[in-house]
N, C-alpha and C. Protein backbone atom coordinates (compact mmCIF):
# COMPACT_ATOMS: atom_id res chain seq x y z
N MET A 1 -11.00 -2.88 -12.30
CA MET A 1 -10.58 -2.35 -10.69
C MET A 1 -10.74 -3.90 -10.26
N LEU A 2 -9.90 -4.01 -9.36
CA LEU A 2 -9.87 -5.12 -8.31
C LEU A 2 -11.25 -5.14 -7.43
N PRO A 3 -11.77 -6.69 -7.24
CA PRO A 3 -13.06 -6.69 -6.55
C PRO A 3 -12.76 -6.78 -5.02
N ARG A 4 -13.91 -6.50 -4.35
CA ARG A 4 -13.37 -6.17 -2.78
C ARG A 4 -13.22 -7.70 -2.35
N ALA A 5 -13.73 -8.79 -2.89
CA ALA A 5 -12.83 -10.11 -2.50
C ALA A 5 -11.41 -10.08 -2.47
N PHE A 6 -10.78 -9.48 -3.63
CA PHE A 6 -9.26 -9.30 -3.61
C PHE A 6 -8.59 -8.87 -2.22
N TYR A 7 -9.03 -7.90 -1.83
CA TYR A 7 -8.68 -7.28 -0.52
C TYR A 7 -9.01 -7.93 0.60
N ASP A 8 -10.58 -8.84 0.73
CA ASP A 8 -10.69 -9.50 1.92
C ASP A 8 -10.00 -10.87 2.12
N ARG A 9 -8.61 -10.77 2.33
CA ARG A 9 -7.58 -11.77 2.48
C ARG A 9 -6.70 -11.54 3.42
N ASP A 10 -5.78 -12.54 3.69
CA ASP A 10 -4.56 -12.29 4.43
C ASP A 10 -3.72 -11.09 3.95
N PRO A 11 -3.01 -10.40 4.62
CA PRO A 11 -2.44 -9.25 4.01
C PRO A 11 -1.02 -9.78 3.48
N VAL A 12 -0.71 -10.42 3.92
CA VAL A 12 0.87 -11.30 3.07
C VAL A 12 0.29 -11.58 1.64
N GLU A 13 -0.96 -12.37 1.53
CA GLU A 13 -1.26 -12.71 0.17
C GLU A 13 -1.61 -11.38 -0.42
N VAL A 14 -2.21 -10.63 -0.16
CA VAL A 14 -2.74 -9.22 -0.86
C VAL A 14 -1.27 -8.26 -1.13
N ALA A 15 -0.44 -8.49 -0.06
CA ALA A 15 0.85 -7.64 -0.58
C ALA A 15 1.79 -8.13 -1.63
N ARG A 16 1.52 -9.45 -1.66
CA ARG A 16 2.27 -10.41 -2.56
C ARG A 16 1.82 -10.15 -3.90
N GLU A 17 0.55 -10.27 -3.93
CA GLU A 17 -0.02 -10.06 -5.52
C GLU A 17 -0.53 -8.69 -5.91
N LEU A 18 -0.56 -7.80 -4.87
CA LEU A 18 -0.29 -6.47 -5.54
C LEU A 18 0.58 -5.98 -6.03
N LEU A 19 1.72 -6.69 -6.27
CA LEU A 19 3.25 -6.54 -7.21
C LEU A 19 2.62 -6.51 -8.59
N GLY A 20 3.02 -5.55 -9.14
CA GLY A 20 2.67 -5.57 -10.55
C GLY A 20 1.31 -4.92 -11.00
N LYS A 21 0.36 -4.74 -10.21
CA LYS A 21 -0.90 -4.21 -10.56
C LYS A 21 -0.47 -2.86 -10.47
N HIS A 22 -1.58 -1.88 -11.08
CA HIS A 22 -1.75 -0.62 -11.39
C HIS A 22 -2.32 0.17 -10.32
N LEU A 23 -1.87 1.66 -9.74
CA LEU A 23 -2.46 2.21 -8.92
C LEU A 23 -2.97 3.27 -9.66
N VAL A 24 -4.06 3.78 -9.97
CA VAL A 24 -4.67 4.68 -10.83
C VAL A 24 -5.45 6.03 -9.97
N LEU A 25 -5.08 7.17 -10.22
CA LEU A 25 -5.76 8.22 -9.61
C LEU A 25 -6.39 9.18 -10.65
N ARG A 26 -7.20 9.41 -10.80
CA ARG A 26 -7.92 10.62 -11.92
C ARG A 26 -8.03 11.69 -11.19
N VAL A 27 -7.21 12.84 -11.87
CA VAL A 27 -7.33 14.13 -10.97
C VAL A 27 -7.28 14.96 -12.48
N ASP A 28 -8.68 15.83 -12.20
CA ASP A 28 -9.04 16.94 -13.23
C ASP A 28 -8.87 16.30 -14.72
N GLY A 29 -9.46 14.87 -14.59
CA GLY A 29 -9.73 14.36 -15.88
C GLY A 29 -8.42 13.79 -16.32
N MET A 30 -7.33 13.78 -15.80
CA MET A 30 -5.92 13.12 -16.12
C MET A 30 -5.87 11.96 -15.01
N GLU A 31 -5.55 10.76 -15.85
CA GLU A 31 -5.18 9.56 -15.09
C GLU A 31 -3.59 9.53 -14.76
N ARG A 32 -3.39 9.38 -13.48
CA ARG A 32 -1.79 9.16 -13.15
C ARG A 32 -2.22 7.81 -12.79
N VAL A 33 -0.90 6.98 -13.29
CA VAL A 33 -0.87 5.65 -13.15
C VAL A 33 0.43 5.01 -12.86
N GLY A 34 0.70 4.06 -11.78
CA GLY A 34 2.02 3.60 -11.52
C GLY A 34 1.72 2.08 -11.13
N ARG A 35 2.71 1.37 -11.73
CA ARG A 35 2.83 -0.01 -11.24
C ARG A 35 3.64 -0.29 -9.90
N ILE A 36 2.75 -1.13 -9.32
CA ILE A 36 3.25 -1.32 -7.72
C ILE A 36 4.44 -2.34 -7.73
N VAL A 37 5.54 -1.90 -7.31
CA VAL A 37 6.64 -2.90 -7.31
C VAL A 37 7.20 -3.08 -5.76
N GLU A 38 6.54 -2.53 -4.76
CA GLU A 38 7.22 -2.95 -3.55
C GLU A 38 6.01 -2.64 -2.69
N THR A 39 5.69 -3.54 -1.49
CA THR A 39 4.78 -3.50 -0.70
C THR A 39 5.09 -3.78 0.79
N GLU A 40 4.50 -3.64 1.92
CA GLU A 40 4.40 -4.16 3.07
C GLU A 40 3.33 -4.66 3.70
N ALA A 41 3.45 -6.03 4.23
CA ALA A 41 2.14 -6.44 4.93
C ALA A 41 2.34 -6.14 6.36
N TYR A 42 0.91 -5.60 6.97
CA TYR A 42 0.75 -5.11 8.36
C TYR A 42 -0.26 -6.06 8.85
N LEU A 43 -0.09 -7.03 9.88
CA LEU A 43 -1.11 -7.93 10.27
C LEU A 43 -2.09 -7.92 11.21
N GLY A 44 -2.25 -6.58 11.82
CA GLY A 44 -3.29 -6.44 12.73
C GLY A 44 -2.77 -6.02 13.85
N PRO A 45 -3.62 -5.71 14.99
CA PRO A 45 -3.55 -5.27 16.28
C PRO A 45 -2.26 -5.98 17.02
N HIS A 46 -1.91 -7.27 16.83
CA HIS A 46 -1.07 -8.19 17.60
C HIS A 46 0.24 -7.85 16.88
N ASP A 47 0.33 -7.18 15.63
CA ASP A 47 1.75 -6.81 14.74
C ASP A 47 2.02 -5.28 15.53
N LEU A 48 3.09 -5.57 16.51
CA LEU A 48 3.38 -4.41 16.92
C LEU A 48 4.10 -3.23 16.31
N ALA A 49 4.20 -3.61 14.73
CA ALA A 49 4.68 -2.52 13.93
C ALA A 49 3.28 -1.92 13.30
N ALA A 50 2.33 -2.41 13.29
CA ALA A 50 0.98 -1.90 12.70
C ALA A 50 0.41 -0.75 13.37
N HIS A 51 -0.08 0.13 12.83
CA HIS A 51 -0.64 1.24 13.61
C HIS A 51 -1.91 0.91 14.47
N SER A 52 -2.40 -0.07 14.04
CA SER A 52 -3.58 -0.76 14.74
C SER A 52 -3.48 -1.67 16.12
N ALA A 53 -1.78 -1.53 16.30
CA ALA A 53 -1.30 -2.05 17.57
C ALA A 53 -1.72 -1.36 18.81
N ARG A 54 -1.97 0.25 18.42
CA ARG A 54 -2.29 1.02 19.60
C ARG A 54 -3.49 1.28 19.70
N GLY A 55 -4.28 0.55 18.96
CA GLY A 55 -5.79 0.28 19.13
C GLY A 55 -6.98 1.21 18.57
N ARG A 56 -7.88 1.01 18.43
CA ARG A 56 -8.88 1.89 17.52
C ARG A 56 -9.05 3.35 18.03
N THR A 57 -8.38 4.29 16.97
CA THR A 57 -8.31 5.67 17.16
C THR A 57 -8.96 6.25 16.05
N ALA A 58 -9.15 7.62 16.03
CA ALA A 58 -9.56 8.41 15.01
C ALA A 58 -8.73 8.19 13.78
N ARG A 59 -7.50 8.18 13.90
CA ARG A 59 -6.33 7.94 12.97
C ARG A 59 -6.45 6.69 12.50
N THR A 60 -6.81 5.39 13.09
CA THR A 60 -6.85 4.03 12.74
C THR A 60 -8.24 3.37 12.24
N GLU A 61 -9.25 4.37 12.76
CA GLU A 61 -10.48 4.02 12.52
C GLU A 61 -10.61 3.04 10.83
N VAL A 62 -10.33 3.61 10.02
CA VAL A 62 -10.44 2.83 8.47
C VAL A 62 -9.70 1.92 8.56
N MET A 63 -8.56 1.69 9.15
CA MET A 63 -8.10 0.09 9.25
C MET A 63 -8.84 -0.96 9.65
N PHE A 64 -10.09 -0.82 10.91
CA PHE A 64 -10.78 -1.80 11.43
C PHE A 64 -12.10 -1.76 10.28
N GLY A 65 -12.06 -1.18 9.36
CA GLY A 65 -13.60 -0.88 8.33
C GLY A 65 -13.15 -2.22 7.35
N PRO A 66 -13.73 -2.11 6.34
CA PRO A 66 -14.05 -2.97 5.61
C PRO A 66 -12.80 -3.30 4.56
N PRO A 67 -12.32 -4.20 3.84
CA PRO A 67 -11.35 -4.12 3.01
C PRO A 67 -11.45 -3.56 1.85
N GLY A 68 -10.58 -3.12 1.30
CA GLY A 68 -10.58 -2.43 0.04
C GLY A 68 -10.79 -0.91 0.03
N HIS A 69 -10.40 -0.27 1.11
CA HIS A 69 -10.46 1.04 1.20
C HIS A 69 -8.89 1.88 1.59
N ALA A 70 -8.71 3.00 1.35
CA ALA A 70 -7.34 3.52 1.35
C ALA A 70 -7.09 4.06 2.75
N TYR A 71 -6.12 3.75 3.45
CA TYR A 71 -5.87 4.23 4.87
C TYR A 71 -4.46 5.30 4.43
N VAL A 72 -4.54 6.58 4.57
CA VAL A 72 -3.76 7.41 4.12
C VAL A 72 -3.42 8.21 5.52
N TYR A 73 -1.97 8.13 5.92
CA TYR A 73 -1.91 8.90 7.38
C TYR A 73 -0.20 9.58 6.87
N LEU A 74 0.05 10.67 7.86
CA LEU A 74 1.15 11.23 7.71
C LEU A 74 2.22 11.07 8.78
N ILE A 75 3.32 11.02 8.18
CA ILE A 75 4.51 10.50 8.91
C ILE A 75 5.34 11.71 9.11
N TYR A 76 6.18 11.80 10.07
CA TYR A 76 7.16 13.05 10.39
C TYR A 76 6.77 14.23 10.02
N GLY A 77 5.32 14.60 10.40
CA GLY A 77 4.79 15.81 10.20
C GLY A 77 4.63 15.99 8.58
N MET A 78 5.37 15.25 7.70
CA MET A 78 5.24 15.88 6.34
C MET A 78 5.13 14.88 5.17
N HIS A 79 5.07 13.72 5.53
CA HIS A 79 4.97 12.67 4.17
C HIS A 79 3.52 11.91 4.37
N ASN A 80 2.77 11.96 3.56
CA ASN A 80 1.65 11.00 3.74
C ASN A 80 2.24 9.83 2.82
N CYS A 81 1.36 8.46 3.52
CA CYS A 81 1.75 7.26 3.08
C CYS A 81 0.51 6.62 2.75
N MET A 82 0.20 5.59 1.91
CA MET A 82 -0.88 5.08 1.71
C MET A 82 -0.90 3.34 2.06
N ASN A 83 -1.95 2.97 2.60
CA ASN A 83 -2.12 1.44 2.75
C ASN A 83 -3.36 1.20 2.50
N VAL A 84 -3.51 -0.17 1.94
CA VAL A 84 -4.96 -0.69 1.49
C VAL A 84 -5.23 -1.34 2.62
N VAL A 85 -6.82 -1.40 3.05
CA VAL A 85 -7.08 -2.26 4.21
C VAL A 85 -7.40 -3.61 3.85
N THR A 86 -7.02 -4.57 4.39
CA THR A 86 -7.12 -5.94 3.94
C THR A 86 -8.25 -6.73 4.97
N GLN A 87 -8.70 -7.99 4.79
CA GLN A 87 -9.14 -8.77 5.68
C GLN A 87 -10.49 -7.97 6.24
N ALA A 88 -11.41 -8.76 6.98
CA ALA A 88 -12.61 -8.42 7.07
C ALA A 88 -12.47 -7.33 8.03
N GLU A 89 -13.81 -6.49 8.22
CA GLU A 89 -13.81 -5.61 8.94
C GLU A 89 -13.72 -6.11 10.60
N GLY A 90 -13.05 -5.02 11.10
CA GLY A 90 -12.41 -5.50 12.55
C GLY A 90 -11.27 -6.12 12.68
N LEU A 91 -10.94 -6.62 11.72
CA LEU A 91 -9.28 -6.79 11.83
C LEU A 91 -8.01 -6.15 11.92
N ALA A 92 -8.37 -5.04 11.31
CA ALA A 92 -7.56 -3.84 11.38
C ALA A 92 -5.93 -4.33 10.56
N SER A 93 -6.08 -4.98 9.61
CA SER A 93 -4.67 -5.30 8.70
C SER A 93 -4.62 -4.77 7.44
N ALA A 94 -3.64 -4.37 6.97
CA ALA A 94 -3.18 -3.62 5.75
C ALA A 94 -1.89 -3.95 5.19
N VAL A 95 -1.82 -3.31 3.87
CA VAL A 95 -0.81 -3.42 2.86
C VAL A 95 -0.29 -1.81 2.82
N LEU A 96 0.94 -1.76 3.13
CA LEU A 96 1.62 -0.46 2.80
C LEU A 96 2.28 -0.40 1.16
N LEU A 97 1.87 0.68 0.70
CA LEU A 97 2.30 0.68 -0.79
C LEU A 97 3.60 1.63 -0.88
N ARG A 98 5.01 0.80 -1.08
CA ARG A 98 6.25 1.45 -0.77
C ARG A 98 6.78 2.15 -2.09
N ALA A 99 6.62 1.58 -3.44
CA ALA A 99 7.14 2.11 -4.57
C ALA A 99 6.64 1.91 -5.78
N LEU A 100 6.50 2.74 -6.65
CA LEU A 100 5.83 2.25 -7.82
C LEU A 100 6.81 2.60 -9.06
N GLU A 101 6.38 1.96 -10.34
CA GLU A 101 7.39 2.19 -11.23
C GLU A 101 6.26 3.33 -12.01
N PRO A 102 6.49 4.17 -12.72
CA PRO A 102 5.99 5.23 -13.47
C PRO A 102 5.54 4.77 -14.48
N VAL A 103 3.96 4.88 -15.08
CA VAL A 103 3.39 4.39 -16.07
C VAL A 103 3.04 5.27 -17.03
N ARG A 104 2.10 6.29 -16.44
CA ARG A 104 1.85 7.51 -17.17
C ARG A 104 1.28 8.57 -16.35
N ASN A 105 1.79 10.00 -16.78
CA ASN A 105 1.51 11.05 -16.26
C ASN A 105 1.91 11.24 -14.82
N LEU A 106 3.03 10.64 -14.40
CA LEU A 106 3.54 10.36 -13.20
C LEU A 106 4.87 11.22 -13.02
N ASP A 107 5.08 11.78 -12.15
CA ASP A 107 6.32 12.19 -11.70
C ASP A 107 7.44 10.74 -11.24
N PRO A 108 8.49 11.11 -11.65
CA PRO A 108 9.51 9.75 -11.55
C PRO A 108 10.08 9.59 -10.36
N HIS A 109 9.71 10.53 -9.15
CA HIS A 109 10.27 10.56 -7.84
C HIS A 109 9.21 9.55 -6.94
N THR A 110 9.19 8.24 -7.25
CA THR A 110 8.14 7.38 -6.41
C THR A 110 8.94 6.07 -5.73
N ARG A 111 10.11 6.23 -5.57
CA ARG A 111 10.94 5.20 -4.60
C ARG A 111 10.61 5.63 -3.08
N GLY A 112 9.85 4.88 -2.45
CA GLY A 112 9.25 4.98 -1.04
C GLY A 112 8.25 5.56 -0.86
N PRO A 113 7.44 5.54 0.22
CA PRO A 113 6.01 5.64 0.44
C PRO A 113 5.73 7.18 0.24
N GLY A 114 6.53 7.82 0.83
CA GLY A 114 5.99 9.43 1.10
C GLY A 114 6.54 9.87 -0.56
N LEU A 115 7.39 9.68 -1.28
CA LEU A 115 7.28 10.14 -2.60
C LEU A 115 6.49 9.63 -3.39
N LEU A 116 5.99 8.18 -3.25
CA LEU A 116 4.94 7.93 -3.93
C LEU A 116 3.71 8.61 -3.97
N CYS A 117 3.12 8.82 -2.94
CA CYS A 117 2.34 9.63 -2.65
C CYS A 117 2.16 11.13 -2.82
N LYS A 118 3.45 11.66 -2.72
CA LYS A 118 3.41 13.02 -3.34
C LYS A 118 3.46 12.91 -4.91
N ALA A 119 4.06 12.06 -5.57
CA ALA A 119 3.92 11.93 -7.05
C ALA A 119 2.49 11.82 -7.45
N MET A 120 1.91 10.71 -6.83
CA MET A 120 0.53 10.49 -7.07
C MET A 120 -0.49 11.50 -7.00
N GLY A 121 -0.29 12.18 -5.94
CA GLY A 121 -0.95 13.56 -5.24
C GLY A 121 -2.20 12.74 -4.43
N ILE A 122 -1.48 12.04 -3.55
CA ILE A 122 -2.48 11.20 -2.58
C ILE A 122 -1.87 12.01 -1.41
N ASP A 123 -3.25 12.49 -0.53
CA ASP A 123 -3.08 12.99 0.69
C ASP A 123 -4.00 12.52 1.54
N ARG A 124 -4.11 12.98 2.93
CA ARG A 124 -5.14 12.39 3.83
C ARG A 124 -6.57 12.50 3.43
N SER A 125 -6.77 13.60 2.55
CA SER A 125 -8.23 13.54 2.08
C SER A 125 -8.91 12.28 1.33
N LEU A 126 -7.99 11.58 0.96
CA LEU A 126 -8.27 10.02 0.46
C LEU A 126 -8.15 8.75 1.34
N THR A 127 -8.21 9.31 2.76
CA THR A 127 -8.05 8.34 3.92
C THR A 127 -9.82 7.65 3.94
N GLY A 128 -10.13 6.68 3.82
CA GLY A 128 -11.14 6.02 3.96
C GLY A 128 -12.09 5.78 2.54
N HIS A 129 -11.06 6.28 1.47
CA HIS A 129 -11.80 6.08 0.02
C HIS A 129 -12.00 4.87 -0.21
N ASP A 130 -13.15 4.25 -0.82
CA ASP A 130 -13.15 3.18 -1.60
C ASP A 130 -12.60 2.60 -2.78
N LEU A 131 -11.53 1.54 -2.72
CA LEU A 131 -10.79 1.65 -3.95
C LEU A 131 -11.58 0.87 -5.22
N LEU A 132 -12.85 0.76 -4.90
CA LEU A 132 -13.62 0.19 -5.86
C LEU A 132 -14.34 1.33 -6.66
N ASN A 133 -13.77 2.34 -6.84
CA ASN A 133 -14.01 3.72 -7.47
C ASN A 133 -13.53 3.88 -8.56
N ALA A 134 -13.84 4.77 -9.72
CA ALA A 134 -13.24 5.03 -11.07
C ALA A 134 -12.19 5.86 -10.71
N ASP A 135 -12.45 6.59 -9.84
CA ASP A 135 -11.56 7.70 -9.92
C ASP A 135 -10.12 7.44 -9.31
N PHE A 136 -10.12 6.39 -8.21
CA PHE A 136 -9.07 5.98 -7.21
C PHE A 136 -9.10 4.41 -7.09
N HIS A 137 -8.38 3.75 -7.61
CA HIS A 137 -8.46 2.36 -7.62
C HIS A 137 -7.26 1.57 -8.25
N ILE A 138 -6.92 0.27 -7.89
CA ILE A 138 -6.09 -0.57 -8.17
C ILE A 138 -6.47 -1.50 -9.28
N THR A 139 -5.78 -1.60 -10.30
CA THR A 139 -6.40 -2.82 -11.31
C THR A 139 -5.02 -3.53 -12.20
N LYS A 140 -5.74 -4.68 -12.72
CA LYS A 140 -4.42 -5.48 -13.41
C LYS A 140 -4.16 -4.67 -14.51
N PRO A 141 -2.82 -4.99 -14.63
CA PRO A 141 -2.57 -3.98 -16.15
C PRO A 141 -2.96 -4.98 -17.51
N GLU A 142 -2.80 -4.21 -18.32
CA GLU A 142 -3.48 -5.10 -19.57
C GLU A 142 -2.63 -6.24 -20.09
N ALA A 143 -1.45 -6.14 -19.72
CA ALA A 143 -0.89 -7.30 -19.96
C ALA A 143 0.30 -7.87 -18.75
N ALA A 144 -0.17 -8.83 -18.10
CA ALA A 144 0.64 -9.15 -16.99
C ALA A 144 1.92 -9.85 -17.30
N GLU A 145 3.06 -9.02 -16.45
CA GLU A 145 4.29 -9.70 -16.63
C GLU A 145 4.73 -10.76 -15.50
N ARG A 146 5.39 -11.82 -15.71
CA ARG A 146 5.91 -13.01 -15.09
C ARG A 146 6.90 -12.01 -14.01
N ILE A 147 6.60 -12.27 -12.80
CA ILE A 147 7.72 -11.59 -11.68
C ILE A 147 8.15 -12.38 -10.65
N VAL A 148 9.37 -12.11 -10.26
CA VAL A 148 10.09 -13.11 -9.04
C VAL A 148 9.85 -11.75 -7.86
N ILE A 149 9.46 -12.41 -6.79
CA ILE A 149 9.03 -11.93 -5.79
C ILE A 149 10.48 -12.03 -4.75
N VAL A 150 10.88 -11.00 -4.14
CA VAL A 150 11.70 -10.93 -3.00
C VAL A 150 11.03 -10.91 -1.62
N ARG A 151 11.21 -11.23 -0.60
CA ARG A 151 10.95 -11.12 0.81
C ARG A 151 12.28 -10.44 1.66
N ARG A 152 11.57 -9.48 2.38
CA ARG A 152 12.65 -9.12 3.43
C ARG A 152 12.00 -8.22 4.36
N PRO A 153 12.46 -8.23 5.35
CA PRO A 153 12.44 -7.40 6.58
C PRO A 153 11.63 -5.85 6.10
N ARG A 154 10.67 -5.55 6.99
CA ARG A 154 10.03 -4.36 6.84
C ARG A 154 11.01 -3.07 7.05
N ILE A 155 10.92 -1.74 6.77
CA ILE A 155 11.60 -0.60 6.68
C ILE A 155 11.26 0.01 7.69
N GLY A 156 12.05 0.70 8.65
CA GLY A 156 11.76 1.75 9.80
C GLY A 156 10.69 1.25 10.77
N VAL A 157 10.68 0.08 11.12
CA VAL A 157 10.10 -0.48 12.25
C VAL A 157 10.89 -1.08 13.41
N ASP A 158 11.63 -0.75 13.59
CA ASP A 158 12.79 -1.30 14.66
C ASP A 158 12.38 -1.35 15.97
N TYR A 159 11.40 -0.23 16.25
CA TYR A 159 10.80 -0.36 17.70
C TYR A 159 9.57 -1.37 18.00
N ALA A 160 9.82 -2.22 16.95
CA ALA A 160 8.53 -3.39 17.07
C ALA A 160 8.98 -4.51 17.42
N GLY A 161 10.14 -4.75 17.93
CA GLY A 161 10.91 -5.84 18.60
C GLY A 161 10.87 -7.07 17.42
N HIS A 162 10.21 -8.27 17.87
CA HIS A 162 10.92 -9.40 16.85
C HIS A 162 9.92 -9.14 15.44
N TRP A 163 8.82 -8.11 15.78
CA TRP A 163 7.87 -7.91 14.44
C TRP A 163 8.76 -7.14 13.42
N ALA A 164 10.17 -6.58 13.79
CA ALA A 164 10.90 -5.60 12.89
C ALA A 164 11.77 -6.84 11.87
N LYS A 165 11.65 -8.00 12.47
CA LYS A 165 12.74 -9.08 11.60
C LYS A 165 11.87 -9.65 10.82
N ARG A 166 10.58 -9.73 11.04
CA ARG A 166 9.69 -10.82 10.07
C ARG A 166 9.87 -10.06 8.56
N LEU A 167 9.67 -11.03 7.97
CA LEU A 167 9.93 -10.81 6.07
C LEU A 167 8.58 -10.92 5.86
N LEU A 168 7.91 -9.46 5.59
CA LEU A 168 6.84 -8.89 5.42
C LEU A 168 6.86 -7.69 4.34
N ARG A 169 8.24 -7.53 3.82
CA ARG A 169 8.27 -6.72 2.57
C ARG A 169 8.45 -7.56 1.43
N PHE A 170 7.74 -6.82 0.43
CA PHE A 170 7.91 -7.67 -0.80
C PHE A 170 8.35 -6.82 -2.01
N TYR A 171 9.10 -7.21 -2.82
CA TYR A 171 9.29 -6.69 -3.89
C TYR A 171 9.51 -7.26 -5.24
N ILE A 172 9.63 -6.48 -6.54
CA ILE A 172 9.78 -7.44 -7.63
C ILE A 172 11.34 -7.34 -7.68
N ARG A 173 11.96 -8.54 -7.89
CA ARG A 173 13.37 -8.80 -7.99
C ARG A 173 13.84 -7.92 -9.58
N GLY A 174 14.89 -7.09 -9.26
CA GLY A 174 15.57 -6.42 -10.21
C GLY A 174 15.00 -5.20 -10.84
N ASN A 175 13.74 -4.87 -10.01
CA ASN A 175 13.10 -3.83 -10.53
C ASN A 175 13.91 -2.42 -10.24
N THR A 176 14.12 -1.49 -10.75
CA THR A 176 14.79 -0.47 -10.08
C THR A 176 14.14 0.62 -9.68
N TRP A 177 13.08 0.49 -9.63
CA TRP A 177 11.96 1.74 -8.84
C TRP A 177 11.87 1.12 -7.27
N ILE A 178 12.24 -0.01 -6.64
CA ILE A 178 11.92 -0.01 -5.45
C ILE A 178 12.81 1.01 -4.64
N SER A 179 12.37 1.00 -3.37
CA SER A 179 13.14 1.86 -2.49
C SER A 179 14.34 1.57 -1.93
N ARG A 180 14.51 0.09 -1.55
CA ARG A 180 15.88 -0.24 -1.54
C ARG A 180 15.90 -1.59 -1.55
N PRO A 181 17.00 -2.26 -1.99
CA PRO A 181 16.87 -3.96 -1.75
C PRO A 181 17.09 -4.60 -0.45
């Protein structure tokens, strides 16, 4: 699994370097594994698209905590989405996992943050979970591939003014599992 120092960095760096890594969740002794192929960086309270821009609340508390923890929240009253908390405690930045390429024991509907969570079995009970845990973590694959990274604006944050146009979404060029080009 990745060390805490991996997450304790700028969210843009973490978002880029999560591409190609494996998200692992053990459920009832079975490991579900997906290769991370698309991410979005959220830069903290000054980023109007970040949940932390609305301040410290019960919902966002984990974002203000230490790096390397899962922030899972509900959107549209029906879809869970997972972020990885980055940077030092108090900075409230995170990286949204947008899409996975199925690797092992994973439903193939993983294009988009809500579908990714549904396929993996990730729900809000995992918010605050330390990703340095054997049952739920991110790790390097056995054999790393060389990838080309594409930068695009984030999806679904039009309300955030100029922050909506920032190139803070990253994906692996040519990967068929991304949510959209």
